[in-house]
N, C-alpha and C. Protein backbone atom coordinates (compact mmCIF):
# COMPACT_ATOMS: atom_id res chain seq x y z
N UNK A 1 77.24 115.66 -176.93
CA UNK A 1 77.74 115.13 -175.67
C UNK A 1 79.27 114.91 -175.75
N UNK A 2 79.74 114.45 -176.89
CA UNK A 2 81.17 114.17 -177.03
C UNK A 2 82.00 115.44 -176.86
N UNK A 3 81.45 116.59 -177.23
CA UNK A 3 82.18 117.85 -177.06
C UNK A 3 82.33 118.23 -175.59
N UNK A 4 81.32 117.92 -174.79
CA UNK A 4 81.33 118.29 -173.37
C UNK A 4 82.02 117.25 -172.49
N UNK A 5 81.95 116.02 -172.87
CA UNK A 5 82.51 114.94 -172.05
C UNK A 5 83.36 113.99 -172.90
N UNK A 6 84.40 114.48 -173.51
CA UNK A 6 85.16 113.63 -174.43
C UNK A 6 85.77 112.39 -173.77
N UNK A 7 86.21 112.52 -172.53
CA UNK A 7 86.82 111.38 -171.86
C UNK A 7 85.79 110.29 -171.59
N UNK A 8 84.64 110.68 -171.08
CA UNK A 8 83.58 109.72 -170.79
C UNK A 8 83.05 109.05 -172.05
N UNK A 9 83.04 109.79 -173.14
CA UNK A 9 82.52 109.27 -174.41
C UNK A 9 83.58 108.53 -175.22
N UNK A 10 84.78 108.45 -174.70
CA UNK A 10 85.85 107.75 -175.40
C UNK A 10 86.38 108.50 -176.61
N UNK A 11 86.29 109.81 -176.59
CA UNK A 11 86.74 110.62 -177.72
C UNK A 11 88.12 111.26 -177.49
N UNK A 12 88.71 111.00 -176.36
CA UNK A 12 90.04 111.56 -176.08
C UNK A 12 91.10 110.80 -176.87
N UNK A 13 92.10 111.53 -177.27
CA UNK A 13 93.22 110.92 -177.95
C UNK A 13 94.05 110.15 -176.93
N UNK A 14 94.28 108.90 -177.20
CA UNK A 14 95.05 108.07 -176.29
C UNK A 14 96.51 108.10 -176.73
N UNK A 15 97.36 108.47 -175.80
CA UNK A 15 98.79 108.52 -176.08
C UNK A 15 99.46 107.40 -175.30
N UNK A 16 100.17 106.58 -176.01
CA UNK A 16 100.91 105.52 -175.34
C UNK A 16 102.40 105.81 -175.48
N UNK A 17 103.10 105.49 -174.45
CA UNK A 17 104.55 105.68 -174.48
C UNK A 17 105.21 104.33 -174.31
N UNK A 18 106.30 104.17 -174.98
CA UNK A 18 107.06 102.95 -174.90
C UNK A 18 108.01 103.04 -173.72
N UNK A 19 108.12 101.96 -172.98
CA UNK A 19 109.06 101.94 -171.86
C UNK A 19 110.48 102.05 -172.42
N UNK A 20 111.33 102.79 -171.74
CA UNK A 20 112.71 102.91 -172.24
C UNK A 20 113.41 101.55 -172.22
N UNK A 21 114.21 101.34 -173.23
CA UNK A 21 114.96 100.09 -173.30
C UNK A 21 116.11 100.15 -172.30
N UNK A 22 116.40 99.02 -171.67
CA UNK A 22 117.52 99.02 -170.73
C UNK A 22 118.84 99.27 -171.46
N UNK A 23 119.71 99.96 -170.80
CA UNK A 23 121.02 100.26 -171.39
C UNK A 23 121.94 99.09 -171.09
N UNK A 24 122.11 98.22 -172.07
CA UNK A 24 122.92 97.03 -171.88
C UNK A 24 123.82 96.79 -173.08
N UNK A 25 124.96 96.22 -172.81
CA UNK A 25 125.85 95.78 -173.87
C UNK A 25 125.42 94.38 -174.30
N UNK A 26 125.54 94.08 -175.58
CA UNK A 26 125.16 92.75 -176.05
C UNK A 26 126.36 91.84 -176.30
N UNK A 27 127.53 92.31 -176.02
CA UNK A 27 128.75 91.51 -176.18
C UNK A 27 129.53 91.52 -174.87
N UNK A 28 130.09 90.38 -174.51
CA UNK A 28 130.80 90.28 -173.23
C UNK A 28 132.10 91.08 -173.20
N UNK A 29 132.68 91.35 -174.34
CA UNK A 29 133.96 92.06 -174.41
C UNK A 29 133.80 93.57 -174.52
N UNK A 30 132.59 94.09 -174.49
CA UNK A 30 132.36 95.52 -174.71
C UNK A 30 133.19 96.42 -173.81
N UNK A 31 133.24 96.10 -172.54
CA UNK A 31 133.98 96.96 -171.61
C UNK A 31 135.47 97.03 -171.99
N UNK A 32 136.04 95.90 -172.33
CA UNK A 32 137.46 95.87 -172.73
C UNK A 32 137.66 96.64 -174.03
N UNK A 33 136.74 96.44 -174.98
CA UNK A 33 136.85 97.15 -176.26
C UNK A 33 136.77 98.66 -176.04
N UNK A 34 135.85 99.08 -175.17
CA UNK A 34 135.68 100.51 -174.89
C UNK A 34 136.95 101.09 -174.26
N UNK A 35 137.53 100.37 -173.32
CA UNK A 35 138.76 100.83 -172.68
C UNK A 35 139.89 100.98 -173.70
N UNK A 36 139.88 100.11 -174.70
CA UNK A 36 140.94 100.17 -175.72
C UNK A 36 140.69 101.26 -176.76
N UNK A 37 139.55 101.96 -176.65
CA UNK A 37 139.29 103.10 -177.52
C UNK A 37 138.44 102.82 -178.75
N UNK A 38 137.86 101.64 -178.82
CA UNK A 38 137.10 101.29 -180.01
C UNK A 38 135.81 102.10 -180.18
N UNK A 39 135.30 102.70 -179.11
CA UNK A 39 134.07 103.50 -179.21
C UNK A 39 134.25 104.73 -180.09
N UNK A 40 135.47 105.21 -180.17
CA UNK A 40 135.72 106.44 -180.93
C UNK A 40 136.51 106.21 -182.21
N UNK A 41 136.95 104.99 -182.44
CA UNK A 41 137.68 104.70 -183.69
C UNK A 41 136.68 104.60 -184.83
N UNK A 42 136.93 105.34 -185.88
CA UNK A 42 135.99 105.46 -187.00
C UNK A 42 135.53 104.11 -187.55
N UNK A 43 136.43 103.17 -187.65
CA UNK A 43 136.10 101.87 -188.23
C UNK A 43 135.15 101.05 -187.34
N UNK A 44 135.15 101.28 -186.03
CA UNK A 44 134.33 100.52 -185.10
C UNK A 44 133.14 101.29 -184.52
N UNK A 45 133.10 102.59 -184.70
CA UNK A 45 132.12 103.46 -184.04
C UNK A 45 130.67 102.98 -184.17
N UNK A 46 130.23 102.71 -185.39
CA UNK A 46 128.84 102.31 -185.61
C UNK A 46 128.52 100.98 -184.92
N UNK A 47 129.40 100.02 -185.06
CA UNK A 47 129.22 98.72 -184.42
C UNK A 47 129.13 98.87 -182.91
N UNK A 48 130.05 99.62 -182.35
CA UNK A 48 130.11 99.79 -180.90
C UNK A 48 128.87 100.50 -180.36
N UNK A 49 128.36 101.45 -181.11
CA UNK A 49 127.16 102.18 -180.68
C UNK A 49 125.96 101.23 -180.57
N UNK A 50 125.88 100.27 -181.47
CA UNK A 50 124.77 99.32 -181.47
C UNK A 50 124.98 98.20 -180.46
N UNK A 51 126.15 97.62 -180.44
CA UNK A 51 126.41 96.43 -179.61
C UNK A 51 126.89 96.74 -178.20
N UNK A 52 127.48 97.92 -177.99
CA UNK A 52 128.07 98.25 -176.69
C UNK A 52 127.64 99.64 -176.20
N UNK A 53 126.35 99.95 -176.19
CA UNK A 53 125.93 101.30 -175.82
C UNK A 53 126.29 101.68 -174.38
N UNK A 54 126.23 100.72 -173.47
CA UNK A 54 126.54 101.02 -172.07
C UNK A 54 128.02 101.38 -171.90
N UNK A 55 128.88 100.54 -172.43
CA UNK A 55 130.32 100.77 -172.29
C UNK A 55 130.78 102.03 -173.02
N UNK A 56 130.09 102.36 -174.12
CA UNK A 56 130.46 103.55 -174.90
C UNK A 56 129.67 104.79 -174.48
N UNK A 57 128.88 104.66 -173.43
CA UNK A 57 128.10 105.77 -172.86
C UNK A 57 127.17 106.42 -173.89
N UNK A 58 126.41 105.58 -174.59
CA UNK A 58 125.43 106.07 -175.56
C UNK A 58 124.01 106.02 -175.01
N UNK A 59 123.85 105.78 -173.74
CA UNK A 59 122.50 105.77 -173.17
C UNK A 59 122.55 106.19 -171.71
């Protein structure tokens, strides 16, 4: 029966998807930092990608 009616028998693979995370900056100064070029400066790039994704256009 499971071969003929997998959905009814609960044999279907259930796929769940995670809702996309909102694209938000976590620091109030992100926009100013981005304007000053910190999104592309090697020393700040990783930090900015994590803390300021919206201002650095990473999402």
